[in-house]
C-alpha atoms as a PDB file:
ATOM      1  CA  MET A   1       0.000   0.000   0.000  1.00  0.00           C
ATOM      2  CA  ASN A   2       1.432   3.345  -1.062  1.00  0.00           C
ATOM      3  CA  VAL A   3       0.249   5.679   1.680  1.00  0.00           C
ATOM      4  CA  GLU A   4       1.649   8.795   0.028  1.00  0.00           C
ATOM      5  CA  GLU A   5      -0.566   8.295  -3.015  1.00  0.00           C
ATOM      6  CA  LEU A   6      -3.738   7.835  -0.960  1.00  0.00           C
ATOM      7  CA  ALA A   7      -6.191  10.688  -0.650  1.00  0.00           C
ATOM      8  CA  ALA A   8      -7.644   9.275   2.580  1.00  0.00           C
ATOM      9  CA  ILE A   9      -7.938   6.204   4.814  1.00  0.00           C
ATOM     10  CA  ASP A  10     -11.464   5.192   5.768  1.00  0.00           C
ATOM     11  CA  VAL A  11     -11.199   3.241   9.034  1.00  0.00           C
ATOM     12  CA  HIS A  12     -14.798   2.022   9.137  1.00  0.00           C
ATOM     13  CA  THR A  13     -16.364  -0.003   6.322  1.00  0.00           C
ATOM     14  CA  HIS A  14     -18.465  -3.159   6.369  1.00  0.00           C
ATOM     15  CA  ALA A  15     -18.242  -6.465   4.532  1.00  0.00           C
ATOM     16  CA  GLU A  16     -21.964  -6.972   4.037  1.00  0.00           C
ATOM     17  CA  VAL A  17     -22.135 -10.103   1.920  1.00  0.00           C
ATOM     18  CA  SER A  18     -20.010 -13.198   1.335  1.00  0.00           C
ATOM     19  CA  SER A  19     -18.997 -14.651  -2.015  1.00  0.00           C
ATOM     20  CA  LYS A  20     -21.922 -17.056  -1.638  1.00  0.00           C
ATOM     21  CA  GLY A  21     -24.405 -14.208  -1.196  1.00  0.00           C
ATOM     22  CA  HIS A  22     -24.757 -14.705   2.551  1.00  0.00           C
ATOM     23  CA  ALA A  23     -25.289 -11.517   4.611  1.00  0.00           C
ATOM     24  CA  SER A  24     -24.333 -11.054   8.258  1.00  0.00           C
ATOM     25  CA  LEU A  25     -27.691  -9.464   9.175  1.00  0.00           C
ATOM     26  CA  ASP A  26     -31.193 -10.565   8.278  1.00  0.00           C
ATOM     27  CA  ASP A  27     -33.098  -8.729   5.551  1.00  0.00           C
ATOM     28  CA  ASP A  28     -35.348  -6.806   7.958  1.00  0.00           C
ATOM     29  CA  LEU A  29     -32.374  -5.234   9.738  1.00  0.00           C
ATOM     30  CA  HIS A  30     -30.575  -4.522   6.455  1.00  0.00           C
ATOM     31  CA  ASP A  31     -33.623  -2.870   4.927  1.00  0.00           C
ATOM     32  CA  ALA A  32     -34.340  -0.812   8.029  1.00  0.00           C
ATOM     33  CA  SER A  33     -30.762   0.444   8.195  1.00  0.00           C
ATOM     34  CA  ALA A  34     -30.835   1.423   4.516  1.00  0.00           C
ATOM     35  CA  ALA A  35     -33.957   3.495   5.194  1.00  0.00           C
ATOM     36  CA  TYR A  36     -32.471   4.994   8.369  1.00  0.00           C
ATOM     37  CA  PHE A  37     -29.263   6.117   6.638  1.00  0.00           C
ATOM     38  CA  LYS A  38     -30.942   6.990   3.302  1.00  0.00           C
ATOM     39  CA  THR A  39     -28.294   4.805   1.724  1.00  0.00           C
ATOM     40  CA  GLU A  40     -27.079   5.831  -1.715  1.00  0.00           C
ATOM     41  CA  GLY A  41     -26.081   3.038  -4.065  1.00  0.00           C
ATOM     42  CA  LYS A  42     -25.832  -0.675  -3.449  1.00  0.00           C
ATOM     43  CA  ARG A  43     -26.608  -1.757   0.132  1.00  0.00           C
ATOM     44  CA  LYS A  44     -24.703  -5.058  -0.107  1.00  0.00           C
ATOM     45  CA  PRO A  45     -21.617  -4.608  -2.311  1.00  0.00           C
ATOM     46  CA  THR A  46     -19.252  -7.559  -2.622  1.00  0.00           C
ATOM     47  CA  LEU A  47     -15.731  -7.364  -1.279  1.00  0.00           C
ATOM     48  CA  GLU A  48     -14.360  -6.972  -4.805  1.00  0.00           C
ATOM     49  CA  GLU A  49     -16.856  -4.209  -5.537  1.00  0.00           C
ATOM     50  CA  THR A  50     -15.809  -2.421  -2.373  1.00  0.00           C
ATOM     51  CA  ALA A  51     -12.143  -2.666  -3.349  1.00  0.00           C
ATOM     52  CA  ALA A  52     -12.884  -1.256  -6.797  1.00  0.00           C
ATOM     53  CA  TYR A  53     -14.938   1.561  -5.286  1.00  0.00           C
ATOM     54  CA  TYR A  54     -12.097   2.689  -3.024  1.00  0.00           C
ATOM     55  CA  ARG A  55      -9.423   2.197  -5.661  1.00  0.00           C
ATOM     56  CA  GLU A  56     -11.332   4.518  -7.993  1.00  0.00           C
ATOM     57  CA  ARG A  57     -11.201   7.186  -5.278  1.00  0.00           C
ATOM     58  CA  ARG A  58      -7.537   6.622  -4.347  1.00  0.00           C
ATOM     59  CA  MET A  59      -8.571   5.696  -0.802  1.00  0.00           C
ATOM     60  CA  ALA A  60      -7.794   2.801   1.494  1.00  0.00           C
ATOM     61  CA  ALA A  61     -10.449   1.179   3.658  1.00  0.00           C
ATOM     62  CA  VAL A  62     -10.437  -0.834   6.860  1.00  0.00           C
ATOM     63  CA  ILE A  63     -13.053  -3.538   6.286  1.00  0.00           C
ATOM     64  CA  PHE A  64     -14.736  -6.010   8.615  1.00  0.00           C
ATOM     65  CA  THR A  65     -17.810  -8.090   9.271  1.00  0.00           C
ATOM     66  CA  VAL A  66     -19.731  -8.218  12.563  1.00  0.00           C
ATOM     67  CA  ASP A  67     -19.935 -11.601  14.292  1.00  0.00           C
ATOM     68  CA  ALA A  68     -23.049 -11.534  16.479  1.00  0.00           C
ATOM     69  CA  GLU A  69     -24.206 -15.088  15.868  1.00  0.00           C
ATOM     70  CA  SER A  70     -24.955 -15.815  19.525  1.00  0.00           C
ATOM     71  CA  ALA A  71     -27.387 -12.903  19.702  1.00  0.00           C
ATOM     72  CA  THR A  72     -28.860 -12.936  16.197  1.00  0.00           C
ATOM     73  CA  GLY A  73     -28.558 -16.542  15.070  1.00  0.00           C
ATOM     74  CA  THR A  74     -27.084 -15.293  11.790  1.00  0.00           C
ATOM     75  CA  GLU A  75     -23.618 -16.372  10.675  1.00  0.00           C
ATOM     76  CA  PRO A  76     -21.238 -13.522   9.839  1.00  0.00           C
ATOM     77  CA  VAL A  77     -19.411 -13.058   6.587  1.00  0.00           C
ATOM     78  CA  PRO A  78     -16.353 -15.281   7.196  1.00  0.00           C
ATOM     79  CA  ASN A  79     -13.397 -13.379   8.633  1.00  0.00           C
ATOM     80  CA  GLU A  80     -11.080 -15.483   6.511  1.00  0.00           C
ATOM     81  CA  GLU A  81     -12.871 -14.398   3.349  1.00  0.00           C
ATOM     82  CA  VAL A  82     -12.555 -10.744   4.329  1.00  0.00           C
ATOM     83  CA  ALA A  83      -8.844 -11.185   5.027  1.00  0.00           C
ATOM     84  CA  GLU A  84      -8.246 -13.038   1.759  1.00  0.00           C
ATOM     85  CA  ALA A  85     -10.034 -10.331  -0.206  1.00  0.00           C
ATOM     86  CA  ALA A  86      -7.910  -7.713   1.534  1.00  0.00           C
ATOM     87  CA  ALA A  87      -4.744  -9.644   0.666  1.00  0.00           C
ATOM     88  CA  ALA A  88      -5.864  -9.783  -2.970  1.00  0.00           C
ATOM     89  CA  ASN A  89      -6.515  -6.030  -2.894  1.00  0.00           C
ATOM     90  CA  ALA A  90      -3.739  -4.971  -0.575  1.00  0.00           C
ATOM     91  CA  ASP A  91      -3.377  -1.616  -2.310  1.00  0.00           C
ATOM     92  CA  VAL A  92      -6.738  -0.493  -0.889  1.00  0.00           C
ATOM     93  CA  LEU A  93      -8.146  -2.904   1.727  1.00  0.00           C
ATOM     94  CA  ILE A  94      -6.975  -3.365   5.328  1.00  0.00           C
ATOM     95  CA  PRO A  95      -8.481  -6.399   7.086  1.00  0.00           C
ATOM     96  CA  PHE A  96     -10.081  -6.328  10.517  1.00  0.00           C
ATOM     97  CA  ALA A  97     -11.970  -9.292  11.949  1.00  0.00           C
ATOM     98  CA  SER A  98     -14.895  -9.737  14.320  1.00  0.00           C
ATOM     99  CA  ILE A  99     -15.265 -12.422  16.967  1.00  0.00           C
ATOM    100  CA  ASP A 100     -18.466 -12.948  18.928  1.00  0.00           C
ATOM    101  CA  PRO A 101     -17.293 -12.570  22.566  1.00  0.00           C
ATOM    102  CA  PHE A 102     -19.585 -15.439  23.567  1.00  0.00           C
ATOM    103  CA  ARG A 103     -17.490 -17.899  21.542  1.00  0.00           C
ATOM    104  CA  GLY A 104     -15.256 -18.232  24.603  1.00  0.00           C
ATOM    105  CA  ARG A 105     -11.919 -20.004  24.312  1.00  0.00           C
ATOM    106  CA  ALA A 106     -12.654 -21.052  20.738  1.00  0.00           C
ATOM    107  CA  GLY A 107     -13.056 -17.393  19.842  1.00  0.00           C
ATOM    108  CA  VAL A 108      -9.771 -16.512  21.511  1.00  0.00           C
ATOM    109  CA  ARG A 109      -7.961 -19.203  19.514  1.00  0.00           C
ATOM    110  CA  ARG A 110      -9.634 -18.003  16.341  1.00  0.00           C
ATOM    111  CA  ALA A 111      -8.567 -14.414  17.019  1.00  0.00           C
ATOM    112  CA  ARG A 112      -4.933 -15.415  17.400  1.00  0.00           C
ATOM    113  CA  ARG A 113      -5.044 -17.508  14.228  1.00  0.00           C
ATOM    114  CA  LEU A 114      -6.585 -14.644  12.257  1.00  0.00           C
ATOM    115  CA  VAL A 115      -3.710 -12.397  13.255  1.00  0.00           C
ATOM    116  CA  GLU A 116      -0.929 -14.923  12.771  1.00  0.00           C
ATOM    117  CA  GLU A 117      -2.176 -16.675   9.624  1.00  0.00           C
ATOM    118  CA  TYR A 118      -4.353 -14.067   7.916  1.00  0.00           C
ATOM    119  CA  GLY A 119      -2.709 -10.802   8.909  1.00  0.00           C
ATOM    120  CA  VAL A 120      -5.758  -9.044  10.358  1.00  0.00           C
ATOM    121  CA  LYS A 121      -4.910  -5.683  11.872  1.00  0.00           C
ATOM    122  CA  GLY A 122      -7.764  -5.282  14.342  1.00  0.00           C
ATOM    123  CA  PHE A 123     -11.103  -6.502  15.671  1.00  0.00           C
ATOM    124  CA  LYS A 124     -14.554  -4.933  15.491  1.00  0.00           C
ATOM    125  CA  PHE A 125     -16.949  -5.175  18.442  1.00  0.00           C
ATOM    126  CA  HIS A 126     -20.576  -4.068  18.327  1.00  0.00           C
ATOM    127  CA  PRO A 127     -21.743  -4.348  21.958  1.00  0.00           C
ATOM    128  CA  SER A 128     -25.369  -3.512  21.193  1.00  0.00           C
ATOM    129  CA  ILE A 129     -25.775  -6.144  18.483  1.00  0.00           C
ATOM    130  CA  GLN A 130     -23.522  -8.699  20.199  1.00  0.00           C
ATOM    131  CA  GLY A 131     -25.320  -8.099  23.497  1.00  0.00           C
ATOM    132  CA  PHE A 132     -22.456  -7.585  25.956  1.00  0.00           C
ATOM    133  CA  PHE A 133     -20.893  -4.911  28.107  1.00  0.00           C
ATOM    134  CA  PRO A 134     -17.322  -4.253  26.898  1.00  0.00           C
ATOM    135  CA  ASN A 135     -16.083  -4.270  30.502  1.00  0.00           C
ATOM    136  CA  ASP A 136     -17.520  -7.718  31.255  1.00  0.00           C
ATOM    137  CA  ARG A 137     -14.385  -9.542  32.346  1.00  0.00           C
ATOM    138  CA  ALA A 138     -15.883 -13.007  32.027  1.00  0.00           C
ATOM    139  CA  VAL A 139     -17.074 -12.461  28.461  1.00  0.00           C
ATOM    140  CA  ALA A 140     -14.513 -10.357  26.611  1.00  0.00           C
ATOM    141  CA  TYR A 141     -11.251  -9.916  28.508  1.00  0.00           C
ATOM    142  CA  ALA A 142      -9.528 -13.000  27.122  1.00  0.00           C
ATOM    143  CA  LEU A 143     -10.066 -11.593  23.630  1.00  0.00           C
ATOM    144  CA  TYR A 144      -8.591  -8.235  24.628  1.00  0.00           C
ATOM    145  CA  GLU A 145      -5.533  -9.999  25.988  1.00  0.00           C
ATOM    146  CA  VAL A 146      -4.820 -11.457  22.555  1.00  0.00           C
ATOM    147  CA  ILE A 147      -5.492  -8.155  20.817  1.00  0.00           C
ATOM    148  CA  GLU A 148      -3.173  -6.276  23.149  1.00  0.00           C
ATOM    149  CA  GLU A 149      -0.481  -8.960  22.938  1.00  0.00           C
ATOM    150  CA  THR A 150      -0.510  -8.969  19.133  1.00  0.00           C
ATOM    151  CA  GLY A 151      -0.493  -5.175  18.868  1.00  0.00           C
ATOM    152  CA  THR A 152      -3.706  -5.112  16.880  1.00  0.00           C
ATOM    153  CA  ILE A 153      -6.621  -2.706  17.361  1.00  0.00           C
ATOM    154  CA  ALA A 154      -9.959  -3.040  19.159  1.00  0.00           C
ATOM    155  CA  LEU A 155     -12.692  -1.003  17.469  1.00  0.00           C
ATOM    156  CA  PHE A 156     -15.910  -0.574  19.456  1.00  0.00           C
ATOM    157  CA  HIS A 157     -19.237   0.652  18.188  1.00  0.00           C
ATOM    158  CA  THR A 158     -20.430   3.378  20.571  1.00  0.00           C
ATOM    159  CA  GLY A 159     -23.674   5.302  20.912  1.00  0.00           C
ATOM    160  CA  GLN A 160     -26.974   4.775  19.194  1.00  0.00           C
ATOM    161  CA  THR A 161     -27.086   2.386  16.249  1.00  0.00           C
ATOM    162  CA  GLY A 162     -28.955   2.550  12.974  1.00  0.00           C
ATOM    163  CA  ILE A 163     -29.200  -1.244  13.047  1.00  0.00           C
ATOM    164  CA  GLY A 164     -32.663  -2.057  14.330  1.00  0.00           C
ATOM    165  CA  ALA A 165     -33.827   1.560  14.169  1.00  0.00           C
ATOM    166  CA  GLY A 166     -37.497   1.644  13.186  1.00  0.00           C
ATOM    167  CA  VAL A 167     -37.966  -2.099  13.678  1.00  0.00           C
ATOM    168  CA  PRO A 168     -40.430  -3.058  16.451  1.00  0.00           C
ATOM    169  CA  GLY A 169     -38.501  -3.208  19.703  1.00  0.00           C
ATOM    170  CA  GLY A 170     -35.404  -2.072  17.831  1.00  0.00           C
ATOM    171  CA  GLY A 171     -34.987  -5.656  16.676  1.00  0.00           C
ATOM    172  CA  GLY A 172     -34.190  -6.571  20.285  1.00  0.00           C
ATOM    173  CA  ILE A 173     -30.992  -4.491  20.151  1.00  0.00           C
ATOM    174  CA  ARG A 174     -30.225  -2.673  23.412  1.00  0.00           C
ATOM    175  CA  LEU A 175     -28.403   0.654  23.338  1.00  0.00           C
ATOM    176  CA  LYS A 176     -27.105   0.484  26.920  1.00  0.00           C
ATOM    177  CA  TYR A 177     -24.202  -1.767  25.964  1.00  0.00           C
ATOM    178  CA  SER A 178     -22.607   0.916  23.782  1.00  0.00           C
ATOM    179  CA  ASN A 179     -21.943   3.663  26.312  1.00  0.00           C
ATOM    180  CA  PRO A 180     -18.234   4.520  25.771  1.00  0.00           C
ATOM    181  CA  LEU A 181     -17.669   4.688  29.538  1.00  0.00           C
ATOM    182  CA  HIS A 182     -17.741   0.880  29.528  1.00  0.00           C
ATOM    183  CA  VAL A 183     -14.710   1.019  27.228  1.00  0.00           C
ATOM    184  CA  ASP A 184     -12.934   3.305  29.707  1.00  0.00           C
ATOM    185  CA  ASP A 185     -12.632   0.269  31.983  1.00  0.00           C
ATOM    186  CA  VAL A 186     -11.102  -1.701  29.115  1.00  0.00           C
ATOM    187  CA  ALA A 187      -8.580   1.060  28.421  1.00  0.00           C
ATOM    188  CA  ALA A 188      -7.641   1.172  32.108  1.00  0.00           C
ATOM    189  CA  ASP A 189      -7.260  -2.595  32.398  1.00  0.00           C
ATOM    190  CA  PHE A 190      -5.320  -2.943  29.114  1.00  0.00           C
ATOM    191  CA  PRO A 191      -3.077   0.137  29.020  1.00  0.00           C
ATOM    192  CA  GLN A 192      -1.218  -0.944  25.867  1.00  0.00           C
ATOM    193  CA  LEU A 193      -4.373  -1.790  23.921  1.00  0.00           C
ATOM    194  CA  LYS A 194      -5.034   0.406  20.891  1.00  0.00           C
ATOM    195  CA  ILE A 195      -8.729   1.355  20.881  1.00  0.00           C
ATOM    196  CA  ILE A 196     -11.054   3.146  18.489  1.00  0.00           C
ATOM    197  CA  LEU A 197     -14.409   4.453  19.695  1.00  0.00           C
ATOM    198  CA  ALA A 198     -16.541   4.345  16.569  1.00  0.00           C
ATOM    199  CA  HIS A 199     -18.969   7.118  15.665  1.00  0.00           C
ATOM    200  CA  PRO A 200     -20.119  10.301  17.322  1.00  0.00           C
ATOM    201  CA  SER A 201     -21.358   8.571  20.476  1.00  0.00           C
ATOM    202  CA  PHE A 202     -24.849  10.059  20.808  1.00  0.00           C
ATOM    203  CA  PRO A 203     -26.189  10.372  23.493  1.00  0.00           C
ATOM    204  CA  TRP A 204     -22.793   9.946  25.183  1.00  0.00           C
ATOM    205  CA  GLN A 205     -20.580  12.268  23.147  1.00  0.00           C
ATOM    206  CA  ASP A 206     -19.057  13.979  26.170  1.00  0.00           C
ATOM    207  CA  GLU A 207     -18.220  10.613  27.710  1.00  0.00           C
ATOM    208  CA  ALA A 208     -16.370   9.554  24.559  1.00  0.00           C
ATOM    209  CA  LEU A 209     -14.400  12.795  24.467  1.00  0.00           C
ATOM    210  CA  ALA A 210     -13.511  12.375  28.142  1.00  0.00           C
ATOM    211  CA  VAL A 211     -12.255   8.822  27.617  1.00  0.00           C
ATOM    212  CA  ALA A 212     -10.199   9.758  24.539  1.00  0.00           C
ATOM    213  CA  THR A 213      -8.547  12.720  26.255  1.00  0.00           C
ATOM    214  CA  HIS A 214      -7.815  10.707  29.410  1.00  0.00           C
ATOM    215  CA  LYS A 215      -6.561   7.417  27.942  1.00  0.00           C
ATOM    216  CA  PRO A 216      -3.597   7.691  25.519  1.00  0.00           C
ATOM    217  CA  GLY A 217      -4.528   4.574  23.551  1.00  0.00           C
ATOM    218  CA  VAL A 218      -8.104   5.634  22.767  1.00  0.00           C
ATOM    219  CA  HIS A 219      -9.051   7.209  19.439  1.00  0.00           C
ATOM    220  CA  ILE A 220     -12.367   8.282  17.893  1.00  0.00           C
ATOM    221  CA  ASP A 221     -13.613   7.596  14.381  1.00  0.00           C
ATOM    222  CA  LEU A 222     -16.195   9.871  12.800  1.00  0.00           C
ATOM    223  CA  SER A 223     -18.187   7.261  10.910  1.00  0.00           C
ATOM    224  CA  GLY A 224     -21.918   6.735  10.702  1.00  0.00           C
ATOM    225  CA  TRP A 225     -22.901  10.407  10.733  1.00  0.00           C
ATOM    226  CA  SER A 226     -22.825  13.102   8.103  1.00  0.00           C
ATOM    227  CA  PRO A 227     -20.357  15.699   9.442  1.00  0.00           C
ATOM    228  CA  LYS A 228     -23.027  18.382   9.169  1.00  0.00           C
ATOM    229  CA  TYR A 229     -24.696  16.744  12.175  1.00  0.00           C
ATOM    230  CA  PHE A 230     -21.577  16.528  14.371  1.00  0.00           C
ATOM    231  CA  PRO A 231     -22.131  18.055  17.828  1.00  0.00           C
ATOM    232  CA  PRO A 232     -20.089  21.236  18.323  1.00  0.00           C
ATOM    233  CA  GLN A 233     -17.970  19.822  21.132  1.00  0.00           C
ATOM    234  CA  LEU A 234     -16.777  17.014  18.848  1.00  0.00           C
ATOM    235  CA  VAL A 235     -15.651  19.552  16.251  1.00  0.00           C
ATOM    236  CA  GLN A 236     -13.920  21.609  18.946  1.00  0.00           C
ATOM    237  CA  TYR A 237     -11.980  18.631  20.308  1.00  0.00           C
ATOM    238  CA  ALA A 238     -11.118  17.384  16.804  1.00  0.00           C
ATOM    239  CA  ASN A 239      -9.538  20.765  16.116  1.00  0.00           C
ATOM    240  CA  THR A 240      -7.593  20.900  19.386  1.00  0.00           C
ATOM    241  CA  LEU A 241      -7.010  18.319  22.112  1.00  0.00           C
ATOM    242  CA  LEU A 242      -7.799  15.285  19.935  1.00  0.00           C
ATOM    243  CA  LYS A 243      -6.403  16.438  16.599  1.00  0.00           C
ATOM    244  CA  GLU A 244      -3.917  13.520  16.623  1.00  0.00           C
ATOM    245  CA  LYS A 245      -6.561  10.937  17.637  1.00  0.00           C
ATOM    246  CA  VAL A 246      -9.601  11.582  15.447  1.00  0.00           C
ATOM    247  CA  LEU A 247     -10.032   9.423  12.342  1.00  0.00           C
ATOM    248  CA  PHE A 248     -12.031   9.554   9.126  1.00  0.00           C
ATOM    249  CA  GLY A 249     -14.565   6.768   8.834  1.00  0.00           C
ATOM    250  CA  SER A 250     -17.650   6.601   6.652  1.00  0.00           C
ATOM    251  CA  ASP A 251     -19.626   3.447   7.622  1.00  0.00           C
ATOM    252  CA  PHE A 252     -19.743   2.367   3.967  1.00  0.00           C
ATOM    253  CA  PRO A 253     -21.953   1.143   2.407  1.00  0.00           C
ATOM    254  CA  VAL A 254     -24.711   2.734   4.536  1.00  0.00           C
ATOM    255  CA  LEU A 255     -22.922   6.092   4.299  1.00  0.00           C
ATOM    256  CA  THR A 256     -20.615   6.675   1.359  1.00  0.00           C
ATOM    257  CA  PRO A 257     -17.276   8.459   1.625  1.00  0.00           C
ATOM    258  CA  ASP A 258     -18.434  10.746  -1.198  1.00  0.00           C
ATOM    259  CA  ARG A 259     -21.318  12.019   0.907  1.00  0.00           C
ATOM    260  CA  TRP A 260     -19.230  12.152   4.079  1.00  0.00           C
ATOM    261  CA  LEU A 261     -16.364  14.073   2.489  1.00  0.00           C
ATOM    262  CA  ALA A 262     -18.668  16.567   0.790  1.00  0.00           C
ATOM    263  CA  ASP A 263     -20.131  17.504   4.159  1.00  0.00           C
ATOM    264  CA  PHE A 264     -16.763  17.360   5.913  1.00  0.00           C
ATOM    265  CA  GLY A 265     -15.469  19.985   3.498  1.00  0.00           C
ATOM    266  CA  LYS A 266     -18.045  22.431   4.865  1.00  0.00           C
ATOM    267  CA  LEU A 267     -17.089  21.790   8.493  1.00  0.00           C
ATOM    268  CA  ALA A 268     -15.039  24.306  10.478  1.00  0.00           C
ATOM    269  CA  ILE A 269     -11.967  22.087  10.688  1.00  0.00           C
ATOM    270  CA  LYS A 270      -8.589  23.805  10.582  1.00  0.00           C
ATOM    271  CA  ASP A 271      -6.633  23.326   7.368  1.00  0.00           C
ATOM    272  CA  GLU A 272      -3.672  21.843   9.226  1.00  0.00           C
ATOM    273  CA  VAL A 273      -5.940  19.338  10.996  1.00  0.00           C
ATOM    274  CA  LYS A 274      -7.797  18.002   7.947  1.00  0.00           C
ATOM    275  CA  PRO A 275      -4.942  15.793   6.634  1.00  0.00           C
ATOM    276  CA  LYS A 276      -4.477  14.357  10.109  1.00  0.00           C
ATOM    277  CA  ILE A 277      -8.119  13.292  10.294  1.00  0.00           C
ATOM    278  CA  LEU A 278      -8.349  12.093   6.708  1.00  0.00           C
ATOM    279  CA  LYS A 279      -5.162  10.035   6.584  1.00  0.00           C
ATOM    280  CA  GLU A 280      -2.194  10.742   8.821  1.00  0.00           C
ATOM    281  CA  ASN A 281      -3.654   9.665  12.175  1.00  0.00           C
ATOM    282  CA  ALA A 282      -4.975   6.406  10.744  1.00  0.00           C
ATOM    283  CA  ALA A 283      -1.741   5.636   8.923  1.00  0.00           C
ATOM    284  CA  ARG A 284       0.192   6.003  12.163  1.00  0.00           C
ATOM    285  CA  LEU A 285      -2.275   3.973  14.233  1.00  0.00           C
ATOM    286  CA  LEU A 286      -2.387   1.173  11.651  1.00  0.00           C
ATOM    287  CA  GLY A 287       1.412   1.025  11.452  1.00  0.00           C
ATOM    288  CA  LEU A 288       1.504   2.122   7.822  1.00  0.00           C
ATOM    289  CA  THR A 289       3.981   4.909   8.569  1.00  0.00           C
ATOM    290  CA  THR A 290       6.754   5.449  11.066  1.00  0.00           C
ATOM    291  CA  PRO A 291       5.501   7.066  14.302  1.00  0.00           C
END
């Protein structure tokens, strides 16, 4: 991957469908999320289509599935398939994996194998969909130990989620699990763990900003929201105290980088901070450049 030639690094994109046409969420949740986000374009692009999309824009993308099989009963897009697609498109795709925390010791072994044999660079957790508190020692801490030991990244969904929005009962998805203060415990207990808090963390934006300013290893990605809706305190911190720790993320395919970047260009972000958010901070965190 030639970082210098990249226009941006998108740290938050989803592998929505496998090569066999299998999706990681049922149709009701997919359709509801498309309506919630007013998705432009294809809702379930293939991995190859995603690679081509980002290559056309001279961008790189972190890509992952979400493994919530214990809670949803739906198998995820295979992590191995995501990693293999990233290896085949290494100029634009960066593989993360996702392990259902309720897989126990088998999940821990799988996580290590995905790092050692498939080169994944991080792990995505979605506490609300997976149905766990990030600071539950019995459920998730063994996974964090592997992630910290291997120097990979733990990316946590935080705040409200568009998945289940508008579905009766929210599709059974509970928002309480995704308060970023639960991740503060993780950052305290694993001081060398590299963490990304995904999304503006509504209704807990101040909590996310507090955690990221207090814990050196915690970063924030800006995915899942059009920048025109960012709360003012997030913009203020991105321009100042967190200018080295805020990352561009779109949430593709539900929100395209084209739409995100068009709105970001209208945001009151300092000129010297924009390249940090769009590429430099992510390149450093992902180990693509020298610190």
